[in-house]
All heavy atoms as atom14 arrays in JSON, in Angstrom:
{
  "sequence": "KSTKTMKSNLGLFDLDVPRDREGSFEPAIVKKHQTDVSHLESA",
  "atom14_mask": [
    [1, 1, 1, 1, 1, 1, 1, 1, 1, 0, 0, 0, 0, 0],
    [1, 1, 1, 1, 1, 1, 0, 0, 0, 0, 0, 0, 0, 0],
    [1, 1, 1, 1, 1, 1, 1, 0, 0, 0, 0, 0, 0, 0],
    [1, 1, 1, 1, 1, 1, 1, 1, 1, 0, 0, 0, 0, 0],
    [1, 1, 1, 1, 1, 1, 1, 0, 0, 0, 0, 0, 0, 0],
    [1, 1, 1, 1, 1, 1, 1, 1, 0, 0, 0, 0, 0, 0],
    [1, 1, 1, 1, 1, 1, 1, 1, 1, 0, 0, 0, 0, 0],
    [1, 1, 1, 1, 1, 1, 0, 0, 0, 0, 0, 0, 0, 0],
    [1, 1, 1, 1, 1, 1, 1, 1, 0, 0, 0, 0, 0, 0],
    [1, 1, 1, 1, 1, 1, 1, 1, 0, 0, 0, 0, 0, 0],
    [1, 1, 1, 1, 0, 0, 0, 0, 0, 0, 0, 0, 0, 0],
    [1, 1, 1, 1, 1, 1, 1, 1, 0, 0, 0, 0, 0, 0],
    [1, 1, 1, 1, 1, 1, 1, 1, 1, 1, 1, 0, 0, 0],
    [1, 1, 1, 1, 1, 1, 1, 1, 0, 0, 0, 0, 0, 0],
    [1, 1, 1, 1, 1, 1, 1, 1, 0, 0, 0, 0, 0, 0],
    [1, 1, 1, 1, 1, 1, 1, 1, 0, 0, 0, 0, 0, 0],
    [1, 1, 1, 1, 1, 1, 1, 0, 0, 0, 0, 0, 0, 0],
    [1, 1, 1, 1, 1, 1, 1, 0, 0, 0, 0, 0, 0, 0],
    [1, 1, 1, 1, 1, 1, 1, 1, 1, 1, 1, 0, 0, 0],
    [1, 1, 1, 1, 1, 1, 1, 1, 0, 0, 0, 0, 0, 0],
    [1, 1, 1, 1, 1, 1, 1, 1, 1, 1, 1, 0, 0, 0],
    [1, 1, 1, 1, 1, 1, 1, 1, 1, 0, 0, 0, 0, 0],
    [1, 1, 1, 1, 0, 0, 0, 0, 0, 0, 0, 0, 0, 0],
    [1, 1, 1, 1, 1, 1, 0, 0, 0, 0, 0, 0, 0, 0],
    [1, 1, 1, 1, 1, 1, 1, 1, 1, 1, 1, 0, 0, 0],
    [1, 1, 1, 1, 1, 1, 1, 1, 1, 0, 0, 0, 0, 0],
    [1, 1, 1, 1, 1, 1, 1, 0, 0, 0, 0, 0, 0, 0],
    [1, 1, 1, 1, 1, 0, 0, 0, 0, 0, 0, 0, 0, 0],
    [1, 1, 1, 1, 1, 1, 1, 1, 0, 0, 0, 0, 0, 0],
    [1, 1, 1, 1, 1, 1, 1, 0, 0, 0, 0, 0, 0, 0],
    [1, 1, 1, 1, 1, 1, 1, 1, 1, 0, 0, 0, 0, 0],
    [1, 1, 1, 1, 1, 1, 1, 1, 1, 0, 0, 0, 0, 0],
    [1, 1, 1, 1, 1, 1, 1, 1, 1, 1, 0, 0, 0, 0],
    [1, 1, 1, 1, 1, 1, 1, 1, 1, 0, 0, 0, 0, 0],
    [1, 1, 1, 1, 1, 1, 1, 0, 0, 0, 0, 0, 0, 0],
    [1, 1, 1, 1, 1, 1, 1, 1, 0, 0, 0, 0, 0, 0],
    [1, 1, 1, 1, 1, 1, 1, 0, 0, 0, 0, 0, 0, 0],
    [1, 1, 1, 1, 1, 1, 0, 0, 0, 0, 0, 0, 0, 0],
    [1, 1, 1, 1, 1, 1, 1, 1, 1, 1, 0, 0, 0, 0],
    [1, 1, 1, 1, 1, 1, 1, 1, 0, 0, 0, 0, 0, 0],
    [1, 1, 1, 1, 1, 1, 1, 1, 1, 0, 0, 0, 0, 0],
    [1, 1, 1, 1, 1, 1, 0, 0, 0, 0, 0, 0, 0, 0],
    [1, 1, 1, 1, 1, 0, 0, 0, 0, 0, 0, 0, 0, 0]
  ],
  "atom14_positions": [
    [[140.07, 112.69, -5.39], [139.32, 113.88, -5.8], [138.86, 114.64, -4.58], [138.71, 114.08, -3.49], [138.11, 113.49, -6.65], [138.48, 112.79, -7.95], [137.24, 112.33, -8.69], [137.63, 111.6, -9.98], [136.44, 111.07, -10.69], [0.0, 0.0, 0.0], [0.0, 0.0, 0.0], [0.0, 0.0, 0.0], [0.0, 0.0, 0.0], [0.0, 0.0, 0.0]],
    [[138.61, 115.93, -4.77], [137.99, 116.76, -3.74], [136.69, 117.32, -4.28], [136.61, 117.71, -5.45], [138.93, 117.9, -3.32], [139.23, 118.74, -4.42], [0.0, 0.0, 0.0], [0.0, 0.0, 0.0], [0.0, 0.0, 0.0], [0.0, 0.0, 0.0], [0.0, 0.0, 0.0], [0.0, 0.0, 0.0], [0.0, 0.0, 0.0], [0.0, 0.0, 0.0]],
    [[135.7, 117.34, -3.46], [134.37, 117.78, -3.89], [134.11, 119.23, -3.47], [134.42, 119.62, -2.33], [133.28, 116.87, -3.29], [133.51, 115.54, -3.71], [131.89, 117.31, -3.76], [0.0, 0.0, 0.0], [0.0, 0.0, 0.0], [0.0, 0.0, 0.0], [0.0, 0.0, 0.0], [0.0, 0.0, 0.0], [0.0, 0.0, 0.0], [0.0, 0.0, 0.0]],
    [[133.59, 120.01, -4.4], [133.18, 121.37, -4.05], [131.88, 121.7, -4.75], [131.56, 121.15, -5.82], [134.26, 122.38, -4.39], [134.65, 122.49, -5.86], [135.75, 123.55, -6.0], [136.24, 123.68, -7.44], [137.29, 124.72, -7.57], [0.0, 0.0, 0.0], [0.0, 0.0, 0.0], [0.0, 0.0, 0.0], [0.0, 0.0, 0.0], [0.0, 0.0, 0.0]],
    [[131.11, 122.58, -4.16], [129.82, 122.97, -4.71], [130.01, 124.14, -5.67], [130.63, 125.15, -5.32], [128.85, 123.38, -3.59], [128.67, 122.27, -2.72], [127.49, 123.79, -4.18], [0.0, 0.0, 0.0], [0.0, 0.0, 0.0], [0.0, 0.0, 0.0], [0.0, 0.0, 0.0], [0.0, 0.0, 0.0], [0.0, 0.0, 0.0], [0.0, 0.0, 0.0]],
    [[129.49, 123.97, -6.88], [129.66, 124.96, -7.93], [128.36, 125.73, -8.16], [127.26, 125.16, -8.06], [130.09, 124.3, -9.24], [131.33, 123.44, -9.13], [132.79, 124.36, -8.58], [132.92, 125.59, -9.89], [0.0, 0.0, 0.0], [0.0, 0.0, 0.0], [0.0, 0.0, 0.0], [0.0, 0.0, 0.0], [0.0, 0.0, 0.0], [0.0, 0.0, 0.0]],
    [[128.51, 126.99, -8.5], [127.37, 127.83, -8.86], [127.34, 127.99, -10.37], [128.35, 128.3, -10.99], [127.47, 129.2, -8.21], [126.37, 130.18, -8.61], [126.63, 131.55, -8.03], [125.59, 132.57, -8.51], [125.87, 133.92, -8.01], [0.0, 0.0, 0.0], [0.0, 0.0, 0.0], [0.0, 0.0, 0.0], [0.0, 0.0, 0.0], [0.0, 0.0, 0.0]],
    [[126.17, 127.75, -10.99], [126.02, 127.97, -12.43], [124.69, 128.65, -12.68], [123.86, 128.78, -11.76], [126.07, 126.63, -13.19], [124.82, 125.97, -13.14], [0.0, 0.0, 0.0], [0.0, 0.0, 0.0], [0.0, 0.0, 0.0], [0.0, 0.0, 0.0], [0.0, 0.0, 0.0], [0.0, 0.0, 0.0], [0.0, 0.0, 0.0], [0.0, 0.0, 0.0]],
    [[124.46, 129.07, -13.9], [123.18, 129.69, -14.23], [122.03, 128.71, -14.16], [120.86, 129.1, -14.16], [123.25, 130.32, -15.62], [124.15, 131.54, -15.65], [124.3, 132.21, -14.65], [124.76, 131.8, -16.79], [0.0, 0.0, 0.0], [0.0, 0.0, 0.0], [0.0, 0.0, 0.0], [0.0, 0.0, 0.0], [0.0, 0.0, 0.0], [0.0, 0.0, 0.0]],
    [[122.36, 127.41, -14.15], [121.33, 126.38, -14.03], [121.06, 126.0, -12.58], [120.13, 125.27, -12.29], [121.75, 125.13, -14.81], [121.73, 125.25, -16.33], [122.47, 124.08, -16.97], [120.32, 125.34, -16.87], [0.0, 0.0, 0.0], [0.0, 0.0, 0.0], [0.0, 0.0, 0.0], [0.0, 0.0, 0.0], [0.0, 0.0, 0.0], [0.0, 0.0, 0.0]],
    [[121.91, 126.48, -11.65], [121.75, 126.15, -10.24], [123.04, 125.6, -9.66], [124.09, 125.6, -10.29], [0.0, 0.0, 0.0], [0.0, 0.0, 0.0], [0.0, 0.0, 0.0], [0.0, 0.0, 0.0], [0.0, 0.0, 0.0], [0.0, 0.0, 0.0], [0.0, 0.0, 0.0], [0.0, 0.0, 0.0], [0.0, 0.0, 0.0], [0.0, 0.0, 0.0]],
    [[122.97, 125.14, -8.39], [124.14, 124.59, -7.7], [124.3, 123.11, -8.0], [123.32, 122.38, -8.15], [123.99, 124.8, -6.18], [123.85, 126.25, -5.69], [123.59, 126.26, -4.19], [125.07, 127.07, -6.03], [0.0, 0.0, 0.0], [0.0, 0.0, 0.0], [0.0, 0.0, 0.0], [0.0, 0.0, 0.0], [0.0, 0.0, 0.0], [0.0, 0.0, 0.0]],
    [[125.56, 122.66, -8.08], [125.82, 121.23, -8.24], [127.21, 120.92, -7.68], [128.05, 121.81, -7.55], [125.72, 120.79, -9.7], [126.71, 121.45, -10.62], [127.97, 120.89, -10.84], [126.39, 122.64, -11.27], [128.88, 121.51, -11.68], [127.32, 123.26, -12.11], [128.56, 122.69, -12.32], [0.0, 0.0, 0.0], [0.0, 0.0, 0.0], [0.0, 0.0, 0.0]],
    [[127.42, 119.65, -7.34], [128.72, 119.22, -6.8], [129.64, 118.77, -7.92], [129.21, 118.14, -8.89], [128.53, 118.07, -5.81], [127.88, 118.53, -4.51], [128.03, 119.73, -4.18], [127.23, 117.71, -3.83], [0.0, 0.0, 0.0], [0.0, 0.0, 0.0], [0.0, 0.0, 0.0], [0.0, 0.0, 0.0], [0.0, 0.0, 0.0], [0.0, 0.0, 0.0]],
    [[130.92, 119.12, -7.78], [131.92, 118.77, -8.77], [133.1, 118.1, -8.06], [133.6, 118.62, -7.06], [132.39, 120.03, -9.5], [133.3, 119.84, -10.71], [132.55, 119.14, -11.85], [133.81, 121.2, -11.2], [0.0, 0.0, 0.0], [0.0, 0.0, 0.0], [0.0, 0.0, 0.0], [0.0, 0.0, 0.0], [0.0, 0.0, 0.0], [0.0, 0.0, 0.0]],
    [[133.51, 116.94, -8.56], [134.65, 116.22, -8.0], [135.91, 116.6, -8.77], [136.09, 116.19, -9.93], [134.43, 114.7, -8.08], [133.25, 114.26, -7.22], [133.07, 114.85, -6.14], [132.53, 113.34, -7.62], [0.0, 0.0, 0.0], [0.0, 0.0, 0.0], [0.0, 0.0, 0.0], [0.0, 0.0, 0.0], [0.0, 0.0, 0.0], [0.0, 0.0, 0.0]],
    [[136.77, 117.37, -8.15], [137.98, 117.88, -8.82], [139.13, 116.89, -8.6], [139.5, 116.61, -7.45], [138.37, 119.26, -8.27], [139.6, 119.8, -8.99], [137.2, 120.23, -8.39], [0.0, 0.0, 0.0], [0.0, 0.0, 0.0], [0.0, 0.0, 0.0], [0.0, 0.0, 0.0], [0.0, 0.0, 0.0], [0.0, 0.0, 0.0], [0.0, 0.0, 0.0]],
    [[139.68, 116.35, -9.68], [140.79, 115.39, -9.53], [142.04, 116.07, -8.97], [142.3, 117.24, -9.24], [141.01, 114.88, -10.96], [140.45, 115.92, -11.85], [139.33, 116.55, -11.1], [0.0, 0.0, 0.0], [0.0, 0.0, 0.0], [0.0, 0.0, 0.0], [0.0, 0.0, 0.0], [0.0, 0.0, 0.0], [0.0, 0.0, 0.0], [0.0, 0.0, 0.0]],
    [[142.83, 115.28, -8.18], [144.07, 115.79, -7.6], [145.23, 114.9, -8.05], [145.04, 113.75, -8.41], [143.99, 115.78, -6.08], [142.89, 116.67, -5.51], [142.84, 116.59, -4.0], [142.58, 115.22, -3.54], [142.28, 114.89, -2.29], [142.22, 115.84, -1.36], [142.06, 113.65, -1.95], [0.0, 0.0, 0.0], [0.0, 0.0, 0.0], [0.0, 0.0, 0.0]],
    [[146.43, 115.46, -8.01], [147.63, 114.67, -8.29], [148.52, 114.68, -7.05], [148.4, 115.56, -6.19], [148.37, 115.22, -9.51], [148.91, 116.63, -9.29], [148.24, 117.41, -8.56], [149.97, 116.96, -9.83], [0.0, 0.0, 0.0], [0.0, 0.0, 0.0], [0.0, 0.0, 0.0], [0.0, 0.0, 0.0], [0.0, 0.0, 0.0], [0.0, 0.0, 0.0]],
    [[149.4, 113.69, -6.95], [150.21, 113.52, -5.74], [151.18, 114.68, -5.52], [151.48, 115.04, -4.38], [150.97, 112.2, -5.8], [150.04, 110.99, -5.68], [150.79, 109.72, -5.34], [149.86, 108.61, -5.18], [149.17, 108.34, -4.08], [149.3, 109.15, -3.03], [148.36, 107.32, -4.03], [0.0, 0.0, 0.0], [0.0, 0.0, 0.0], [0.0, 0.0, 0.0]],
    [[151.68, 115.24, -6.59], [152.65, 116.34, -6.45], [151.99, 117.69, -6.21], [152.67, 118.68, -5.91], [153.54, 116.4, -7.69], [154.42, 115.17, -7.88], [155.29, 115.27, -9.13], [155.14, 116.28, -9.87], [156.09, 114.34, -9.36], [0.0, 0.0, 0.0], [0.0, 0.0, 0.0], [0.0, 0.0, 0.0], [0.0, 0.0, 0.0], [0.0, 0.0, 0.0]],
    [[150.67, 117.73, -6.38], [149.95, 118.99, -6.17], [150.24, 120.04, -7.23], [150.07, 121.24, -6.99], [0.0, 0.0, 0.0], [0.0, 0.0, 0.0], [0.0, 0.0, 0.0], [0.0, 0.0, 0.0], [0.0, 0.0, 0.0], [0.0, 0.0, 0.0], [0.0, 0.0, 0.0], [0.0, 0.0, 0.0], [0.0, 0.0, 0.0], [0.0, 0.0, 0.0]],
    [[150.66, 119.6, -8.41], [151.04, 120.55, -9.48], [149.92, 120.77, -10.5], [150.06, 121.6, -11.41], [152.28, 120.03, -10.21], [152.06, 118.73, -10.74], [0.0, 0.0, 0.0], [0.0, 0.0, 0.0], [0.0, 0.0, 0.0], [0.0, 0.0, 0.0], [0.0, 0.0, 0.0], [0.0, 0.0, 0.0], [0.0, 0.0, 0.0], [0.0, 0.0, 0.0]],
    [[148.83, 120.03, -10.34], [147.72, 120.15, -11.31], [146.96, 121.45, -11.09], [146.43, 121.71, -10.01], [146.79, 118.95, -11.18], [145.58, 119.01, -12.08], [145.72, 119.24, -13.45], [144.3, 118.84, -11.56], [144.61, 119.29, -14.27], [143.18, 118.88, -12.39], [143.34, 119.12, -13.74], [0.0, 0.0, 0.0], [0.0, 0.0, 0.0], [0.0, 0.0, 0.0]],
    [[146.92, 122.29, -12.13], [146.18, 123.56, -12.09], [145.14, 123.54, -13.21], [145.43, 123.9, -14.35], [147.13, 124.74, -12.29], [148.14, 124.94, -11.17], [147.51, 125.57, -9.94], [146.35, 126.03, -10.04], [148.17, 125.6, -8.9], [0.0, 0.0, 0.0], [0.0, 0.0, 0.0], [0.0, 0.0, 0.0], [0.0, 0.0, 0.0], [0.0, 0.0, 0.0]],
    [[143.93, 123.11, -12.92], [142.9, 123.03, -13.98], [142.57, 124.39, -14.55], [142.58, 125.4, -13.83], [141.69, 122.41, -13.26], [141.91, 122.71, -11.82], [143.4, 122.71, -11.6], [0.0, 0.0, 0.0], [0.0, 0.0, 0.0], [0.0, 0.0, 0.0], [0.0, 0.0, 0.0], [0.0, 0.0, 0.0], [0.0, 0.0, 0.0], [0.0, 0.0, 0.0]],
    [[142.29, 124.44, -15.85], [141.96, 125.69, -16.52], [140.46, 125.93, -16.59], [140.0, 127.07, -16.45], [142.55, 125.69, -17.94], [0.0, 0.0, 0.0], [0.0, 0.0, 0.0], [0.0, 0.0, 0.0], [0.0, 0.0, 0.0], [0.0, 0.0, 0.0], [0.0, 0.0, 0.0], [0.0, 0.0, 0.0], [0.0, 0.0, 0.0], [0.0, 0.0, 0.0]],
    [[139.7, 124.86, -16.8], [138.25, 125.03, -16.96], [137.59, 125.46, -15.66], [136.72, 126.31, -15.64], [137.61, 123.72, -17.51], [136.13, 123.9, -17.71], [137.88, 122.54, -16.59], [135.76, 124.9, -18.74], [0.0, 0.0, 0.0], [0.0, 0.0, 0.0], [0.0, 0.0, 0.0], [0.0, 0.0, 0.0], [0.0, 0.0, 0.0], [0.0, 0.0, 0.0]],
    [[138.03, 124.88, -14.53], [137.55, 125.28, -13.21], [138.77, 125.41, -12.31], [139.35, 124.42, -11.89], [136.56, 124.26, -12.61], [136.09, 124.74, -11.23], [135.37, 124.06, -13.52], [0.0, 0.0, 0.0], [0.0, 0.0, 0.0], [0.0, 0.0, 0.0], [0.0, 0.0, 0.0], [0.0, 0.0, 0.0], [0.0, 0.0, 0.0], [0.0, 0.0, 0.0]],
    [[139.18, 126.62, -12.02], [140.41, 126.84, -11.27], [140.24, 126.41, -9.81], [139.13, 126.21, -9.33], [140.82, 128.31, -11.37], [141.07, 128.74, -12.82], [141.67, 130.11, -12.91], [141.84, 130.54, -14.36], [142.7, 129.61, -15.12], [0.0, 0.0, 0.0], [0.0, 0.0, 0.0], [0.0, 0.0, 0.0], [0.0, 0.0, 0.0], [0.0, 0.0, 0.0]],
    [[141.36, 126.27, -9.11], [141.38, 125.63, -7.79], [140.38, 126.23, -6.8], [139.68, 125.51, -6.1], [142.79, 125.69, -7.21], [143.67, 124.55, -7.71], [144.98, 124.49, -6.93], [145.78, 123.25, -7.34], [147.06, 123.16, -6.61], [0.0, 0.0, 0.0], [0.0, 0.0, 0.0], [0.0, 0.0, 0.0], [0.0, 0.0, 0.0], [0.0, 0.0, 0.0]],
    [[140.32, 127.52, -6.73], [139.45, 128.15, -5.73], [138.17, 128.73, -6.36], [137.44, 129.48, -5.71], [140.2, 129.24, -4.99], [141.43, 128.73, -4.28], [141.36, 127.9, -3.19], [142.75, 128.92, -4.55], [142.59, 127.59, -2.79], [143.45, 128.19, -3.61], [0.0, 0.0, 0.0], [0.0, 0.0, 0.0], [0.0, 0.0, 0.0], [0.0, 0.0, 0.0]],
    [[137.93, 128.36, -7.58], [136.75, 128.87, -8.28], [135.52, 128.06, -7.92], [135.54, 126.83, -7.92], [136.98, 128.82, -9.8], [135.83, 129.36, -10.62], [136.09, 129.23, -12.11], [137.18, 128.87, -12.53], [135.07, 129.51, -12.9], [0.0, 0.0, 0.0], [0.0, 0.0, 0.0], [0.0, 0.0, 0.0], [0.0, 0.0, 0.0], [0.0, 0.0, 0.0]],
    [[134.41, 128.73, -7.65], [133.16, 128.04, -7.34], [132.0, 128.53, -8.21], [130.86, 128.14, -8.0], [132.78, 128.25, -5.86], [132.7, 129.65, -5.59], [133.8, 127.59, -4.94], [0.0, 0.0, 0.0], [0.0, 0.0, 0.0], [0.0, 0.0, 0.0], [0.0, 0.0, 0.0], [0.0, 0.0, 0.0], [0.0, 0.0, 0.0], [0.0, 0.0, 0.0]],
    [[132.29, 129.39, -9.18], [131.25, 129.92, -10.08], [131.67, 129.63, -11.52], [132.71, 130.09, -11.98], [131.09, 131.43, -9.86], [129.89, 132.01, -10.6], [129.43, 131.38, -11.57], [129.42, 133.09, -10.21], [0.0, 0.0, 0.0], [0.0, 0.0, 0.0], [0.0, 0.0, 0.0], [0.0, 0.0, 0.0], [0.0, 0.0, 0.0], [0.0, 0.0, 0.0]],
    [[130.84, 128.86, -12.24], [131.16, 128.51, -13.63], [130.11, 129.05, -14.59], [129.98, 128.59, -15.72], [131.28, 126.97, -13.81], [132.52, 126.45, -13.12], [130.02, 126.27, -13.33], [0.0, 0.0, 0.0], [0.0, 0.0, 0.0], [0.0, 0.0, 0.0], [0.0, 0.0, 0.0], [0.0, 0.0, 0.0], [0.0, 0.0, 0.0], [0.0, 0.0, 0.0]],
    [[129.35, 130.03, -14.14], [128.34, 130.61, -15.03], [128.99, 131.29, -16.23], [128.35, 131.49, -17.25], [127.46, 131.6, -14.27], [128.24, 132.59, -13.64], [0.0, 0.0, 0.0], [0.0, 0.0, 0.0], [0.0, 0.0, 0.0], [0.0, 0.0, 0.0], [0.0, 0.0, 0.0], [0.0, 0.0, 0.0], [0.0, 0.0, 0.0], [0.0, 0.0, 0.0]],
    [[130.3, 131.62, -16.11], [131.0, 132.26, -17.22], [131.03, 131.37, -18.45], [130.98, 131.86, -19.58], [132.43, 132.62, -16.81], [133.33, 131.43, -16.7], [133.27, 130.55, -15.64], [134.28, 130.96, -17.54], [134.17, 129.6, -15.83], [134.79, 129.81, -16.96], [0.0, 0.0, 0.0], [0.0, 0.0, 0.0], [0.0, 0.0, 0.0], [0.0, 0.0, 0.0]],
    [[131.13, 130.04, -18.24], [131.2, 129.13, -19.38], [129.89, 129.15, -20.15], [129.86, 129.21, -21.37], [131.53, 127.71, -18.91], [131.64, 126.67, -20.02], [132.74, 127.03, -21.0], [131.88, 125.28, -19.45], [0.0, 0.0, 0.0], [0.0, 0.0, 0.0], [0.0, 0.0, 0.0], [0.0, 0.0, 0.0], [0.0, 0.0, 0.0], [0.0, 0.0, 0.0]],
    [[128.78, 129.11, -19.4], [127.48, 129.19, -20.05], [127.34, 130.52, -20.78], [126.85, 130.56, -21.92], [126.36, 129.04, -19.01], [126.36, 127.68, -18.33], [125.42, 127.64, -17.14], [124.65, 128.6, -16.96], [125.47, 126.65, -16.4], [0.0, 0.0, 0.0], [0.0, 0.0, 0.0], [0.0, 0.0, 0.0], [0.0, 0.0, 0.0], [0.0, 0.0, 0.0]],
    [[127.8, 131.6, -20.15], [127.73, 132.92, -20.79], [128.59, 132.96, -22.05], [128.21, 133.57, -23.04], [128.19, 134.0, -19.81], [127.34, 134.03, -18.66], [0.0, 0.0, 0.0], [0.0, 0.0, 0.0], [0.0, 0.0, 0.0], [0.0, 0.0, 0.0], [0.0, 0.0, 0.0], [0.0, 0.0, 0.0], [0.0, 0.0, 0.0], [0.0, 0.0, 0.0]],
    [[129.76, 132.3, -21.98], [130.63, 132.27, -23.15], [129.98, 131.52, -24.3], [130.05, 131.94, -25.46], [131.96, 131.61, -22.78], [0.0, 0.0, 0.0], [0.0, 0.0, 0.0], [0.0, 0.0, 0.0], [0.0, 0.0, 0.0], [0.0, 0.0, 0.0], [0.0, 0.0, 0.0], [0.0, 0.0, 0.0], [0.0, 0.0, 0.0], [0.0, 0.0, 0.0]]
  ]
}
């Protein structure tokens, strides 16, 4: 996993993003270079 700091309406928190060996994993809920997830709370 790789750790990145996320911004949300509740504040900052660390998120461990899982990785795969082929590097083909493209998460939908939190995209690779995304660091702001306040949209989910807004949704």
